[in-house]
Amino acid sequence: MALYGICSRWVSAFGVFLLLCSHVGGQEQINTPEQLKFFEMKIRPVLVEHCYHCHAAGAKTIQGGLRLDHRDGMLKGGDSGVV
């Protein structure tokens, strides 16, 4: 299904972004203002447009058990495992 492929690519890119911004050497990092600005301007709009309708608290059903509206949900993954 084409939509699944699009979602999985965005989720994978989002996951890499979160991991790079949040974990360095296995330790939690505090996000810098530049990282937060990048996320709010470049990443969140994509998630809102393409992902939140199926993967956020406001969805009728959380598809695949994957929550993308908060960091812990994304890092935990969904029914098929971690992203």
PDB file of N, CA and C in Angstrom:
ATOM      1  N   MET A   1       0.847  -1.176   0.000  1.00  0.00           N
ATOM      2  CA  MET A   1       0.000   0.000   0.000  1.00  0.00           C
ATOM      3  C   MET A   1       0.895   1.242   0.000  1.00  0.00           C
ATOM      4  N   ALA A   2       0.605   2.170  -0.885  1.00  0.00           N
ATOM      5  CA  ALA A   2       1.447   3.364  -1.052  1.00  0.00           C
ATOM      6  C   ALA A   2       1.483   4.209   0.213  1.00  0.00           C
ATOM      7  N   LEU A   3       0.360   4.392   0.864  1.00  0.00           N
ATOM      8  CA  LEU A   3       0.316   5.222   2.068  1.00  0.00           C
ATOM      9  C   LEU A   3       1.198   4.635   3.156  1.00  0.00           C
ATOM     10  N   TYR A   4       1.195   3.326   3.308  1.00  0.00           N
ATOM     11  CA  TYR A   4       2.048   2.688   4.314  1.00  0.00           C
ATOM     12  C   TYR A   4       3.508   2.998   4.053  1.00  0.00           C
ATOM     13  N   GLY A   5       3.925   2.930   2.783  1.00  0.00           N
ATOM     14  CA  GLY A   5       5.308   3.227   2.437  1.00  0.00           C
ATOM     15  C   GLY A   5       5.680   4.656   2.777  1.00  0.00           C
ATOM     16  N   ILE A   6       4.782   5.587   2.506  1.00  0.00           N
ATOM     17  CA  ILE A   6       5.028   6.995   2.821  1.00  0.00           C
ATOM     18  C   ILE A   6       5.145   7.172   4.325  1.00  0.00           C
ATOM     19  N   CYS A   7       4.223   6.606   5.086  1.00  0.00           N
ATOM     20  CA  CYS A   7       4.263   6.736   6.542  1.00  0.00           C
ATOM     21  C   CYS A   7       5.531   6.132   7.111  1.00  0.00           C
ATOM     22  N   SER A   8       5.900   4.961   6.654  1.00  0.00           N
ATOM     23  CA  SER A   8       7.073   4.306   7.227  1.00  0.00           C
ATOM     24  C   SER A   8       8.341   5.081   6.915  1.00  0.00           C
ATOM     25  N   ARG A   9       8.429   5.697   5.729  1.00  0.00           N
ATOM     26  CA  ARG A   9       9.615   6.505   5.412  1.00  0.00           C
ATOM     27  C   ARG A   9       9.688   7.726   6.306  1.00  0.00           C
ATOM     28  N   TRP A  10       8.559   8.417   6.515  1.00  0.00           N
ATOM     29  CA  TRP A  10       8.560   9.607   7.377  1.00  0.00           C
ATOM     30  C   TRP A  10       8.862   9.228   8.814  1.00  0.00           C
ATOM     31  N   VAL A  11       8.300   8.142   9.275  1.00  0.00           N
ATOM     32  CA  VAL A  11       8.548   7.708  10.644  1.00  0.00           C
ATOM     33  C   VAL A  11      10.011   7.354  10.822  1.00  0.00           C
ATOM     34  N   SER A  12      10.598   6.686   9.849  1.00  0.00           N
ATOM     35  CA  SER A  12      12.014   6.329   9.945  1.00  0.00           C
ATOM     36  C   SER A  12      12.889   7.577   9.994  1.00  0.00           C
ATOM     37  N   ALA A  13      12.609   8.541   9.135  1.00  0.00           N
ATOM     38  CA  ALA A  13      13.385   9.778   9.137  1.00  0.00           C
ATOM     39  C   ALA A  13      13.205  10.526  10.452  1.00  0.00           C
ATOM     40  N   PHE A  14      11.988  10.550  10.957  1.00  0.00           N
ATOM     41  CA  PHE A  14      11.693  11.209  12.217  1.00  0.00           C
ATOM     42  C   PHE A  14      12.427  10.517  13.362  1.00  0.00           C
ATOM     43  N   GLY A  15      12.449   9.192  13.338  1.00  0.00           N
ATOM     44  CA  GLY A  15      13.137   8.436  14.376  1.00  0.00           C
ATOM     45  C   GLY A  15      14.629   8.731  14.393  1.00  0.00           C
ATOM     46  N   VAL A  16      15.240   8.782  13.229  1.00  0.00           N
ATOM     47  CA  VAL A  16      16.664   9.107  13.156  1.00  0.00           C
ATOM     48  C   VAL A  16      16.901  10.503  13.711  1.00  0.00           C
ATOM     49  N   PHE A  17      16.048  11.450  13.338  1.00  0.00           N
ATOM     50  CA  PHE A  17      16.183  12.816  13.856  1.00  0.00           C
ATOM     51  C   PHE A  17      16.116  12.824  15.379  1.00  0.00           C
ATOM     52  N   LEU A  18      15.129  12.148  15.947  1.00  0.00           N
ATOM     53  CA  LEU A  18      14.995  12.134  17.404  1.00  0.00           C
ATOM     54  C   LEU A  18      16.197  11.497  18.077  1.00  0.00           C
ATOM     55  N   LEU A  19      16.670  10.411  17.528  1.00  0.00           N
ATOM     56  CA  LEU A  19      17.805   9.738  18.136  1.00  0.00           C
ATOM     57  C   LEU A  19      19.061  10.595  18.072  1.00  0.00           C
ATOM     58  N   LEU A  20      19.277  11.266  16.955  1.00  0.00           N
ATOM     59  CA  LEU A  20      20.446  12.124  16.836  1.00  0.00           C
ATOM     60  C   LEU A  20      20.370  13.310  17.786  1.00  0.00           C
ATOM     61  N   CYS A  21      19.187  13.844  17.959  1.00  0.00           N
ATOM     62  CA  CYS A  21      19.030  15.032  18.797  1.00  0.00           C
ATOM     63  C   CYS A  21      18.951  14.701  20.283  1.00  0.00           C
ATOM     64  N   SER A  22      18.579  13.507  20.622  1.00  0.00           N
ATOM     65  CA  SER A  22      18.278  13.205  22.013  1.00  0.00           C
ATOM     66  C   SER A  22      19.272  12.281  22.699  1.00  0.00           C
ATOM     67  N   HIS A  23      20.055  11.541  21.959  1.00  0.00           N
ATOM     68  CA  HIS A  23      20.979  10.586  22.566  1.00  0.00           C
ATOM     69  C   HIS A  23      22.378  10.772  21.999  1.00  0.00           C
ATOM     70  N   VAL A  24      23.299  11.044  22.849  1.00  0.00           N
ATOM     71  CA  VAL A  24      24.701  11.111  22.459  1.00  0.00           C
ATOM     72  C   VAL A  24      25.463  10.277  23.483  1.00  0.00           C
ATOM     73  N   GLY A  25      26.129   9.249  23.015  1.00  0.00           N
ATOM     74  CA  GLY A  25      26.890   8.395  23.915  1.00  0.00           C
ATOM     75  C   GLY A  25      26.032   7.685  24.942  1.00  0.00           C
ATOM     76  N   GLY A  26      24.755   7.413  24.606  1.00  0.00           N
ATOM     77  CA  GLY A  26      23.873   6.707  25.522  1.00  0.00           C
ATOM     78  C   GLY A  26      23.304   7.577  26.626  1.00  0.00           C
ATOM     79  N   GLN A  27      23.618   8.866  26.624  1.00  0.00           N
ATOM     80  CA  GLN A  27      23.107   9.762  27.656  1.00  0.00           C
ATOM     81  C   GLN A  27      22.069  10.687  27.055  1.00  0.00           C
ATOM     82  N   GLU A  28      21.089  11.057  27.875  1.00  0.00           N
ATOM     83  CA  GLU A  28      20.072  12.001  27.432  1.00  0.00           C
ATOM     84  C   GLU A  28      20.711  13.360  27.205  1.00  0.00           C
ATOM     85  N   GLN A  29      20.351  14.009  26.125  1.00  0.00           N
ATOM     86  CA  GLN A  29      20.797  15.358  25.822  1.00  0.00           C
ATOM     87  C   GLN A  29      19.624  16.304  25.991  1.00  0.00           C
ATOM     88  N   ILE A  30      19.902  17.505  26.409  1.00  0.00           N
ATOM     89  CA  ILE A  30      18.882  18.545  26.418  1.00  0.00           C
ATOM     90  C   ILE A  30      18.843  19.111  25.014  1.00  0.00           C
ATOM     91  N   ASN A  31      17.653  19.204  24.435  1.00  0.00           N
ATOM     92  CA  ASN A  31      17.522  19.749  23.093  1.00  0.00           C
ATOM     93  C   ASN A  31      17.893  21.222  23.099  1.00  0.00           C
ATOM     94  N   THR A  32      18.666  21.614  22.105  1.00  0.00           N
ATOM     95  CA  THR A  32      19.063  23.008  21.980  1.00  0.00           C
ATOM     96  C   THR A  32      17.912  23.803  21.360  1.00  0.00           C
ATOM     97  N   PRO A  33      17.913  25.107  21.522  1.00  0.00           N
ATOM     98  CA  PRO A  33      16.876  25.923  20.867  1.00  0.00           C
ATOM     99  C   PRO A  33      16.864  25.724  19.349  1.00  0.00           C
ATOM    100  N   GLU A  34      18.031  25.520  18.752  1.00  0.00           N
ATOM    101  CA  GLU A  34      18.102  25.309  17.307  1.00  0.00           C
ATOM    102  C   GLU A  34      17.438  23.987  16.911  1.00  0.00           C
ATOM    103  N   GLN A  35      17.648  22.941  17.716  1.00  0.00           N
ATOM    104  CA  GLN A  35      17.019  21.655  17.433  1.00  0.00           C
ATOM    105  C   GLN A  35      15.506  21.741  17.578  1.00  0.00           C
ATOM    106  N   LEU A  36      15.059  22.416  18.617  1.00  0.00           N
ATOM    107  CA  LEU A  36      13.617  22.566  18.819  1.00  0.00           C
ATOM    108  C   LEU A  36      12.985  23.379  17.693  1.00  0.00           C
ATOM    109  N   LYS A  37      13.665  24.437  17.265  1.00  0.00           N
ATOM    110  CA  LYS A  37      13.155  25.259  16.162  1.00  0.00           C
ATOM    111  C   LYS A  37      13.072  24.434  14.884  1.00  0.00           C
ATOM    112  N   PHE A  38      14.116  23.649  14.601  1.00  0.00           N
ATOM    113  CA  PHE A  38      14.112  22.791  13.419  1.00  0.00           C
ATOM    114  C   PHE A  38      12.948  21.804  13.478  1.00  0.00           C
ATOM    115  N   PHE A  39      12.768  21.170  14.637  1.00  0.00           N
ATOM    116  CA  PHE A  39      11.675  20.214  14.787  1.00  0.00           C
ATOM    117  C   PHE A  39      10.321  20.882  14.542  1.00  0.00           C
ATOM    118  N   GLU A  40      10.099  22.019  15.156  1.00  0.00           N
ATOM    119  CA  GLU A  40       8.805  22.700  15.031  1.00  0.00           C
ATOM    120  C   GLU A  40       8.551  23.220  13.623  1.00  0.00           C
ATOM    121  N   MET A  41       9.603  23.621  12.918  1.00  0.00           N
ATOM    122  CA  MET A  41       9.423  24.192  11.581  1.00  0.00           C
ATOM    123  C   MET A  41       9.453  23.152  10.462  1.00  0.00           C
ATOM    124  N   LYS A  42      10.212  22.089  10.639  1.00  0.00           N
ATOM    125  CA  LYS A  42      10.409  21.128   9.550  1.00  0.00           C
ATOM    126  C   LYS A  42       9.781  19.756   9.791  1.00  0.00           C
ATOM    127  N   ILE A  43       9.801  19.285  11.019  1.00  0.00           N
ATOM    128  CA  ILE A  43       9.344  17.923  11.300  1.00  0.00           C
ATOM    129  C   ILE A  43       7.872  17.879  11.706  1.00  0.00           C
ATOM    130  N   ARG A  44       7.493  18.672  12.717  1.00  0.00           N
ATOM    131  CA  ARG A  44       6.111  18.611  13.198  1.00  0.00           C
ATOM    132  C   ARG A  44       5.083  18.880  12.100  1.00  0.00           C
ATOM    133  N   PRO A  45       5.282  19.856  11.196  1.00  0.00           N
ATOM    134  CA  PRO A  45       4.273  20.057  10.143  1.00  0.00           C
ATOM    135  C   PRO A  45       4.058  18.818   9.273  1.00  0.00           C
ATOM    136  N   VAL A  46       5.119  18.062   9.009  1.00  0.00           N
ATOM    137  CA  VAL A  46       4.987  16.834   8.225  1.00  0.00           C
ATOM    138  C   VAL A  46       4.184  15.802   9.009  1.00  0.00           C
ATOM    139  N   LEU A  47       4.479  15.670  10.294  1.00  0.00           N
ATOM    140  CA  LEU A  47       3.740  14.721  11.126  1.00  0.00           C
ATOM    141  C   LEU A  47       2.260  15.093  11.203  1.00  0.00           C
ATOM    142  N   VAL A  48       1.976  16.370  11.376  1.00  0.00           N
ATOM    143  CA  VAL A  48       0.583  16.823  11.465  1.00  0.00           C
ATOM    144  C   VAL A  48      -0.144  16.522  10.163  1.00  0.00           C
ATOM    145  N   GLU A  49       0.492  16.819   9.036  1.00  0.00           N
ATOM    146  CA  GLU A  49      -0.173  16.637   7.739  1.00  0.00           C
ATOM    147  C   GLU A  49      -0.323  15.176   7.340  1.00  0.00           C
ATOM    148  N   HIS A  50       0.681  14.358   7.636  1.00  0.00           N
ATOM    149  CA  HIS A  50       0.706  12.999   7.094  1.00  0.00           C
ATOM    150  C   HIS A  50       0.522  11.878   8.112  1.00  0.00           C
ATOM    151  N   CYS A  51       0.674  12.150   9.406  1.00  0.00           N
ATOM    152  CA  CYS A  51       0.755  11.043  10.358  1.00  0.00           C
ATOM    153  C   CYS A  51      -0.232  11.112  11.518  1.00  0.00           C
ATOM    154  N   TYR A  52      -0.478  12.307  12.051  1.00  0.00           N
ATOM    155  CA  TYR A  52      -1.265  12.420  13.271  1.00  0.00           C
ATOM    156  C   TYR A  52      -2.683  11.892  13.136  1.00  0.00           C
ATOM    157  N   HIS A  53      -3.268  11.935  11.955  1.00  0.00           N
ATOM    158  CA  HIS A  53      -4.651  11.469  11.818  1.00  0.00           C
ATOM    159  C   HIS A  53      -4.791   9.977  12.136  1.00  0.00           C
ATOM    160  N   CYS A  54      -3.690   9.235  12.098  1.00  0.00           N
ATOM    161  CA  CYS A  54      -3.726   7.807  12.452  1.00  0.00           C
ATOM    162  C   CYS A  54      -2.852   7.456  13.658  1.00  0.00           C
ATOM    163  N   HIS A  55      -1.946   8.345  14.040  1.00  0.00           N
ATOM    164  CA  HIS A  55      -0.940   7.997  15.045  1.00  0.00           C
ATOM    165  C   HIS A  55      -0.811   9.043  16.148  1.00  0.00           C
ATOM    166  N   ALA A  56      -1.929   9.596  16.604  1.00  0.00           N
ATOM    167  CA  ALA A  56      -1.899  10.595  17.675  1.00  0.00           C
ATOM    168  C   ALA A  56      -3.121  10.405  18.565  1.00  0.00           C
ATOM    169  N   ALA A  57      -3.097  11.053  19.709  1.00  0.00           N
ATOM    170  CA  ALA A  57      -4.171  10.904  20.693  1.00  0.00           C
ATOM    171  C   ALA A  57      -5.546  11.218  20.102  1.00  0.00           C
ATOM    172  N   GLY A  58      -5.630  12.129  19.151  1.00  0.00           N
ATOM    173  CA  GLY A  58      -6.912  12.507  18.569  1.00  0.00           C
ATOM    174  C   GLY A  58      -7.452  11.533  17.541  1.00  0.00           C
ATOM    175  N   ALA A  59      -6.696  10.511  17.173  1.00  0.00           N
ATOM    176  CA  ALA A  59      -7.145   9.544  16.170  1.00  0.00           C
ATOM    177  C   ALA A  59      -8.251   8.667  16.743  1.00  0.00           C
ATOM    178  N   LYS A  60      -9.198   8.289  15.878  1.00  0.00           N
ATOM    179  CA  LYS A  60     -10.262   7.382  16.320  1.00  0.00           C
ATOM    180  C   LYS A  60      -9.665   6.063  16.787  1.00  0.00           C
ATOM    181  N   THR A  61      -8.710   5.556  16.048  1.00  0.00           N
ATOM    182  CA  THR A  61      -7.985   4.339  16.395  1.00  0.00           C
ATOM    183  C   THR A  61      -6.512   4.584  16.109  1.00  0.00           C
ATOM    184  N   ILE A  62      -5.654   4.232  17.043  1.00  0.00           N
ATOM    185  CA  ILE A  62      -4.214   4.375  16.832  1.00  0.00           C
ATOM    186  C   ILE A  62      -3.766   3.221  15.935  1.00  0.00           C
ATOM    187  N   GLN A  63      -3.417   3.531  14.700  1.00  0.00           N
ATOM    188  CA  GLN A  63      -3.040   2.512  13.736  1.00  0.00           C
ATOM    189  C   GLN A  63      -1.704   1.875  14.117  1.00  0.00           C
ATOM    190  N   GLY A  64      -1.676   0.571  14.108  1.00  0.00           N
ATOM    191  CA  GLY A  64      -0.456  -0.180  14.381  1.00  0.00           C
ATOM    192  C   GLY A  64       0.098   0.024  15.780  1.00  0.00           C
ATOM    193  N   GLY A  65      -0.702   0.617  16.673  1.00  0.00           N
ATOM    194  CA  GLY A  65      -0.248   0.850  18.028  1.00  0.00           C
ATOM    195  C   GLY A  65       0.869   1.879  18.130  1.00  0.00           C
ATOM    196  N   LEU A  66       1.075   2.673  17.069  1.00  0.00           N
ATOM    197  CA  LEU A  66       2.190   3.618  17.020  1.00  0.00           C
ATOM    198  C   LEU A  66       1.713   5.039  17.287  1.00  0.00           C
ATOM    199  N   ARG A  67       2.249   5.647  18.336  1.00  0.00           N
ATOM    200  CA  ARG A  67       1.956   7.045  18.668  1.00  0.00           C
ATOM    201  C   ARG A  67       3.119   7.915  18.226  1.00  0.00           C
ATOM    202  N   LEU A  68       2.817   8.956  17.459  1.00  0.00           N
ATOM    203  CA  LEU A  68       3.847   9.866  16.979  1.00  0.00           C
ATOM    204  C   LEU A  68       3.670  11.280  17.512  1.00  0.00           C
ATOM    205  N   ASP A  69       2.767  11.452  18.450  1.00  0.00           N
ATOM    206  CA  ASP A  69       2.525  12.795  18.973  1.00  0.00           C
ATOM    207  C   ASP A  69       3.336  13.088  20.227  1.00  0.00           C
ATOM    208  N   HIS A  70       4.169  12.158  20.637  1.00  0.00           N
ATOM    209  CA  HIS A  70       5.113  12.424  21.716  1.00  0.00           C
ATOM    210  C   HIS A  70       6.333  11.522  21.540  1.00  0.00           C
ATOM    211  N   ARG A  71       7.448  11.962  22.040  1.00  0.00           N
ATOM    212  CA  ARG A  71       8.733  11.301  21.841  1.00  0.00           C
ATOM    213  C   ARG A  71       8.739   9.856  22.345  1.00  0.00           C
ATOM    214  N   ASP A  72       8.236   9.623  23.541  1.00  0.00           N
ATOM    215  CA  ASP A  72       8.269   8.277  24.106  1.00  0.00           C
ATOM    216  C   ASP A  72       7.477   7.290  23.266  1.00  0.00           C
ATOM    217  N   GLY A  73       6.340   7.722  22.740  1.00  0.00           N
ATOM    218  CA  GLY A  73       5.536   6.848  21.886  1.00  0.00           C
ATOM    219  C   GLY A  73       6.264   6.476  20.615  1.00  0.00           C
ATOM    220  N   MET A  74       6.967   7.430  20.022  1.00  0.00           N
ATOM    221  CA  MET A  74       7.709   7.166  18.808  1.00  0.00           C
ATOM    222  C   MET A  74       8.865   6.211  19.082  1.00  0.00           C
ATOM    223  N   LEU A  75       9.595   6.460  20.155  1.00  0.00           N
ATOM    224  CA  LEU A  75      10.736   5.594  20.462  1.00  0.00           C
ATOM    225  C   LEU A  75      10.313   4.187  20.866  1.00  0.00           C
ATOM    226  N   LYS A  76       9.147   4.059  21.488  1.00  0.00           N
ATOM    227  CA  LYS A  76       8.639   2.746  21.880  1.00  0.00           C
ATOM    228  C   LYS A  76       8.281   1.906  20.652  1.00  0.00           C
ATOM    229  N   GLY A  77       7.761   2.561  19.634  1.00  0.00           N
ATOM    230  CA  GLY A  77       7.352   1.847  18.434  1.00  0.00           C
ATOM    231  C   GLY A  77       5.904   1.408  18.520  1.00  0.00           C
ATOM    232  N   GLY A  78       5.526   0.546  17.614  1.00  0.00           N
ATOM    233  CA  GLY A  78       4.145   0.094  17.538  1.00  0.00           C
ATOM    234  C   GLY A  78       4.041  -1.411  17.637  1.00  0.00           C
ATOM    235  N   ASP A  79       2.960  -1.925  17.078  1.00  0.00           N
ATOM    236  CA  ASP A  79       2.685  -3.362  17.138  1.00  0.00           C
ATOM    237  C   ASP A  79       3.769  -4.205  16.464  1.00  0.00           C
ATOM    238  N   SER A  80       4.433  -3.653  15.458  1.00  0.00           N
ATOM    239  CA  SER A  80       5.452  -4.433  14.743  1.00  0.00           C
ATOM    240  C   SER A  80       6.868  -4.157  15.259  1.00  0.00           C
ATOM    241  N   GLY A  81       6.981  -3.445  16.379  1.00  0.00           N
ATOM    242  CA  GLY A  81       8.288  -3.228  16.983  1.00  0.00           C
ATOM    243  C   GLY A  81       8.719  -1.777  16.932  1.00  0.00           C
ATOM    244  N   VAL A  82       9.987  -1.572  17.241  1.00  0.00           N
ATOM    245  CA  VAL A  82      10.517  -0.219  17.274  1.00  0.00           C
ATOM    246  C   VAL A  82      10.710   0.294  15.850  1.00  0.00           C
ATOM    247  N   VAL A  83      10.667   1.602  15.741  1.00  0.00           N
ATOM    248  CA  VAL A  83      10.807   2.239  14.428  1.00  0.00           C
ATOM    249  C   VAL A  83      12.276   2.311  14.092  1.00  0.00           C
TER     250      VAL A  83
END
